[in-house]
Amino acid sequence: MLMQGFADAVDRIAASNGCTDIELFQVCRALGAPNVPSLLSLKDEGLPAYRVGSHWRIDCRSFRKWATGYTPYRPQTKPQTAYEGELF
């Protein structure tokens, strides 16, 4: 639910700018991140940020898709095994 709130905050920034493509420093303020490099550390987790010239940008639609589908903990599951005498 927390990531949903972040996606809503980014959407509000995009709406006030009048475009879906926003600067990453604006996202820092909305998410409470101290600076752009701290947010860029999430690129390994799939954050859809990209560079335009010397500035980092993000598309709010891609951010919403990433944020609402983001799961910080992915439990390791074992494949199910069939027991003797079990019918499929």
N, C-alpha and C. Protein backbone atom coordinates (compact mmCIF):
# COMPACT_ATOMS: atom_id res chain seq x y z
N MET A 1 0.82 -1.19 0.00
CA MET A 1 0.00 0.00 0.00
C MET A 1 0.87 1.26 0.00
N LEU A 2 2.04 1.16 0.62
CA LEU A 2 2.95 2.31 0.66
C LEU A 2 3.39 2.70 -0.74
N MET A 3 3.71 1.73 -1.58
CA MET A 3 4.15 2.02 -2.93
C MET A 3 3.02 2.64 -3.75
N GLN A 4 1.79 2.28 -3.47
CA GLN A 4 0.64 2.90 -4.14
C GLN A 4 0.60 4.39 -3.84
N GLY A 5 0.89 4.76 -2.60
CA GLY A 5 0.94 6.16 -2.21
C GLY A 5 2.06 6.90 -2.92
N PHE A 6 3.21 6.24 -3.10
CA PHE A 6 4.31 6.85 -3.84
C PHE A 6 3.92 7.08 -5.30
N ALA A 7 3.26 6.10 -5.89
CA ALA A 7 2.81 6.24 -7.28
C ALA A 7 1.82 7.39 -7.41
N ASP A 8 0.94 7.54 -6.43
CA ASP A 8 -0.02 8.66 -6.45
C ASP A 8 0.70 10.00 -6.35
N ALA A 9 1.74 10.07 -5.51
CA ALA A 9 2.51 11.31 -5.36
C ALA A 9 3.21 11.68 -6.66
N VAL A 10 3.77 10.69 -7.34
CA VAL A 10 4.44 10.93 -8.62
C VAL A 10 3.42 11.36 -9.67
N ASP A 11 2.25 10.78 -9.66
CA ASP A 11 1.19 11.19 -10.60
C ASP A 11 0.76 12.64 -10.36
N ARG A 12 0.71 13.06 -9.10
CA ARG A 12 0.35 14.45 -8.80
C ARG A 12 1.41 15.42 -9.34
N ILE A 13 2.67 15.04 -9.23
CA ILE A 13 3.75 15.88 -9.78
C ILE A 13 3.61 15.99 -11.29
N ALA A 14 3.37 14.85 -11.94
CA ALA A 14 3.21 14.85 -13.39
C ALA A 14 2.01 15.69 -13.80
N ALA A 15 0.93 15.60 -13.06
CA ALA A 15 -0.26 16.40 -13.38
C ALA A 15 0.01 17.89 -13.24
N SER A 16 0.76 18.27 -12.21
CA SER A 16 1.06 19.70 -12.04
C SER A 16 2.02 20.21 -13.11
N ASN A 17 2.88 19.32 -13.63
CA ASN A 17 3.79 19.70 -14.72
C ASN A 17 3.11 19.67 -16.08
N GLY A 18 2.04 18.92 -16.18
CA GLY A 18 1.32 18.83 -17.44
C GLY A 18 1.91 17.83 -18.42
N CYS A 19 2.79 16.95 -17.93
CA CYS A 19 3.35 15.89 -18.80
C CYS A 19 3.69 14.68 -17.94
N THR A 20 3.82 13.54 -18.57
CA THR A 20 4.10 12.31 -17.83
C THR A 20 5.58 12.10 -17.57
N ASP A 21 6.42 12.81 -18.28
CA ASP A 21 7.86 12.68 -18.16
C ASP A 21 8.38 13.73 -17.19
N ILE A 22 8.90 13.31 -16.02
CA ILE A 22 9.32 14.28 -15.00
C ILE A 22 10.76 14.03 -14.58
N GLU A 23 11.37 15.07 -14.00
CA GLU A 23 12.75 14.99 -13.52
C GLU A 23 12.79 14.13 -12.25
N LEU A 24 13.86 13.37 -12.10
CA LEU A 24 13.97 12.48 -10.95
C LEU A 24 14.12 13.23 -9.63
N PHE A 25 14.69 14.43 -9.66
CA PHE A 25 14.82 15.19 -8.41
C PHE A 25 13.45 15.54 -7.84
N GLN A 26 12.43 15.69 -8.70
CA GLN A 26 11.09 15.97 -8.21
C GLN A 26 10.51 14.74 -7.50
N VAL A 27 10.88 13.58 -7.98
CA VAL A 27 10.42 12.34 -7.35
C VAL A 27 11.08 12.18 -5.98
N CYS A 28 12.32 12.64 -5.85
CA CYS A 28 13.02 12.57 -4.55
C CYS A 28 12.21 13.27 -3.47
N ARG A 29 11.74 14.46 -3.78
CA ARG A 29 10.96 15.22 -2.80
C ARG A 29 9.67 14.48 -2.44
N ALA A 30 9.02 13.93 -3.43
CA ALA A 30 7.74 13.24 -3.19
C ALA A 30 7.92 11.99 -2.35
N LEU A 31 9.03 11.28 -2.55
CA LEU A 31 9.26 10.02 -1.84
C LEU A 31 10.05 10.20 -0.55
N GLY A 32 10.55 11.42 -0.34
CA GLY A 32 11.33 11.67 0.86
C GLY A 32 12.76 11.15 0.76
N ALA A 33 13.24 10.91 -0.45
CA ALA A 33 14.62 10.46 -0.65
C ALA A 33 15.56 11.65 -0.53
N PRO A 34 16.75 11.45 0.00
CA PRO A 34 17.65 12.58 0.20
C PRO A 34 18.23 13.17 -1.09
N ASN A 35 18.43 12.33 -2.12
CA ASN A 35 19.02 12.84 -3.36
C ASN A 35 18.78 11.85 -4.51
N VAL A 36 19.13 12.27 -5.71
CA VAL A 36 18.91 11.44 -6.90
C VAL A 36 19.72 10.14 -6.85
N PRO A 37 21.01 10.15 -6.44
CA PRO A 37 21.74 8.88 -6.40
C PRO A 37 21.11 7.83 -5.48
N SER A 38 20.46 8.28 -4.41
CA SER A 38 19.79 7.31 -3.54
C SER A 38 18.63 6.63 -4.27
N LEU A 39 17.93 7.38 -5.11
CA LEU A 39 16.86 6.76 -5.91
C LEU A 39 17.43 5.88 -7.01
N LEU A 40 18.55 6.31 -7.59
CA LEU A 40 19.15 5.52 -8.67
C LEU A 40 19.63 4.17 -8.19
N SER A 41 19.84 4.02 -6.90
CA SER A 41 20.23 2.70 -6.37
C SER A 41 19.10 1.69 -6.55
N LEU A 42 17.88 2.17 -6.80
CA LEU A 42 16.74 1.27 -7.04
C LEU A 42 16.66 0.79 -8.49
N LYS A 43 17.56 1.28 -9.35
CA LYS A 43 17.56 0.81 -10.74
C LYS A 43 17.83 -0.68 -10.81
N ASP A 44 18.64 -1.20 -9.87
CA ASP A 44 18.89 -2.64 -9.82
C ASP A 44 17.62 -3.42 -9.50
N GLU A 45 16.69 -2.76 -8.84
CA GLU A 45 15.40 -3.38 -8.50
C GLU A 45 14.35 -3.15 -9.58
N GLY A 46 14.73 -2.44 -10.65
CA GLY A 46 13.81 -2.24 -11.75
C GLY A 46 13.24 -0.84 -11.90
N LEU A 47 13.70 0.12 -11.11
CA LEU A 47 13.20 1.48 -11.24
C LEU A 47 13.39 1.97 -12.67
N PRO A 48 12.33 2.40 -13.34
CA PRO A 48 12.42 2.76 -14.76
C PRO A 48 12.92 4.19 -15.01
N ALA A 49 14.08 4.53 -14.49
CA ALA A 49 14.66 5.86 -14.70
C ALA A 49 15.60 5.80 -15.90
N TYR A 50 15.69 6.91 -16.60
CA TYR A 50 16.59 6.97 -17.76
C TYR A 50 17.21 8.36 -17.82
N ARG A 51 18.32 8.44 -18.52
CA ARG A 51 19.09 9.68 -18.58
C ARG A 51 18.80 10.43 -19.87
N VAL A 52 18.58 11.74 -19.75
CA VAL A 52 18.41 12.63 -20.90
C VAL A 52 19.42 13.75 -20.70
N GLY A 53 20.48 13.73 -21.46
CA GLY A 53 21.54 14.71 -21.27
C GLY A 53 22.21 14.50 -19.94
N SER A 54 22.20 15.51 -19.10
CA SER A 54 22.82 15.38 -17.77
C SER A 54 21.77 15.15 -16.68
N HIS A 55 20.50 15.02 -17.05
CA HIS A 55 19.42 14.86 -16.07
C HIS A 55 18.83 13.46 -16.14
N TRP A 56 18.40 12.98 -14.99
CA TRP A 56 17.68 11.71 -14.92
C TRP A 56 16.19 12.01 -14.93
N ARG A 57 15.44 11.21 -15.67
CA ARG A 57 13.99 11.41 -15.79
C ARG A 57 13.29 10.07 -15.56
N ILE A 58 11.99 10.19 -15.35
CA ILE A 58 11.16 9.00 -15.17
C ILE A 58 9.78 9.30 -15.75
N ASP A 59 9.16 8.30 -16.32
CA ASP A 59 7.80 8.44 -16.83
C ASP A 59 6.86 7.96 -15.73
N CYS A 60 5.87 8.76 -15.38
CA CYS A 60 5.01 8.42 -14.25
C CYS A 60 4.22 7.13 -14.49
N ARG A 61 3.90 6.84 -15.76
CA ARG A 61 3.17 5.60 -16.06
C ARG A 61 4.04 4.38 -15.80
N SER A 62 5.30 4.46 -16.20
CA SER A 62 6.23 3.36 -15.94
C SER A 62 6.49 3.21 -14.45
N PHE A 63 6.58 4.36 -13.75
CA PHE A 63 6.80 4.31 -12.31
C PHE A 63 5.63 3.63 -11.61
N ARG A 64 4.40 3.98 -12.00
CA ARG A 64 3.22 3.35 -11.38
C ARG A 64 3.23 1.85 -11.61
N LYS A 65 3.54 1.44 -12.82
CA LYS A 65 3.58 0.01 -13.13
C LYS A 65 4.62 -0.69 -12.27
N TRP A 66 5.80 -0.06 -12.13
CA TRP A 66 6.86 -0.65 -11.32
C TRP A 66 6.49 -0.65 -9.84
N ALA A 67 5.97 0.47 -9.35
CA ALA A 67 5.69 0.61 -7.92
C ALA A 67 4.56 -0.31 -7.45
N THR A 68 3.54 -0.47 -8.26
CA THR A 68 2.42 -1.30 -7.81
C THR A 68 2.70 -2.78 -8.00
N GLY A 69 3.68 -3.11 -8.83
CA GLY A 69 4.05 -4.51 -9.00
C GLY A 69 5.30 -4.90 -8.23
N TYR A 70 5.89 -3.93 -7.50
CA TYR A 70 7.15 -4.15 -6.79
C TYR A 70 6.91 -4.95 -5.53
N THR A 71 7.67 -6.01 -5.35
CA THR A 71 7.62 -6.82 -4.14
C THR A 71 9.04 -6.90 -3.59
N PRO A 72 9.33 -6.21 -2.48
CA PRO A 72 10.70 -6.20 -1.99
C PRO A 72 11.16 -7.57 -1.50
N TYR A 73 10.26 -8.42 -1.06
CA TYR A 73 10.62 -9.74 -0.57
C TYR A 73 9.96 -10.79 -1.45
N ARG A 74 10.75 -11.59 -2.07
CA ARG A 74 10.21 -12.67 -2.89
C ARG A 74 10.60 -14.00 -2.25
N PRO A 75 9.66 -14.66 -1.60
CA PRO A 75 10.01 -15.91 -0.94
C PRO A 75 10.44 -16.97 -1.95
N GLN A 76 11.42 -17.74 -1.55
CA GLN A 76 11.89 -18.84 -2.39
C GLN A 76 10.92 -20.00 -2.23
N THR A 77 10.38 -20.45 -3.33
CA THR A 77 9.44 -21.57 -3.28
C THR A 77 10.12 -22.80 -3.85
N LYS A 78 9.78 -23.91 -3.26
CA LYS A 78 10.32 -25.18 -3.74
C LYS A 78 9.30 -25.80 -4.69
N PRO A 79 9.77 -26.48 -5.72
CA PRO A 79 8.80 -27.15 -6.59
C PRO A 79 8.09 -28.26 -5.81
N GLN A 80 6.82 -28.40 -6.10
CA GLN A 80 6.06 -29.43 -5.41
C GLN A 80 6.48 -30.81 -5.89
N THR A 81 6.52 -31.71 -4.96
CA THR A 81 6.87 -33.09 -5.30
C THR A 81 5.64 -33.96 -5.13
N ALA A 82 5.55 -34.94 -5.97
CA ALA A 82 4.43 -35.88 -5.88
C ALA A 82 4.80 -36.98 -4.89
N TYR A 83 3.85 -37.33 -4.04
CA TYR A 83 4.07 -38.39 -3.08
C TYR A 83 3.67 -39.72 -3.70
N GLU A 84 4.22 -40.79 -3.14
CA GLU A 84 3.90 -42.12 -3.68
C GLU A 84 2.40 -42.37 -3.53
N GLY A 85 1.82 -42.89 -4.59
CA GLY A 85 0.41 -43.23 -4.57
C GLY A 85 -0.50 -42.05 -4.83
N GLU A 86 0.04 -40.89 -5.09
CA GLU A 86 -0.78 -39.72 -5.34
C GLU A 86 -1.16 -39.66 -6.82
N LEU A 87 -2.41 -39.43 -7.07
CA LEU A 87 -2.90 -39.35 -8.45
C LEU A 87 -2.86 -37.92 -8.94
N PHE A 88 -2.61 -37.76 -10.21
CA PHE A 88 -2.59 -36.41 -10.80
C PHE A 88 -3.87 -36.12 -11.50
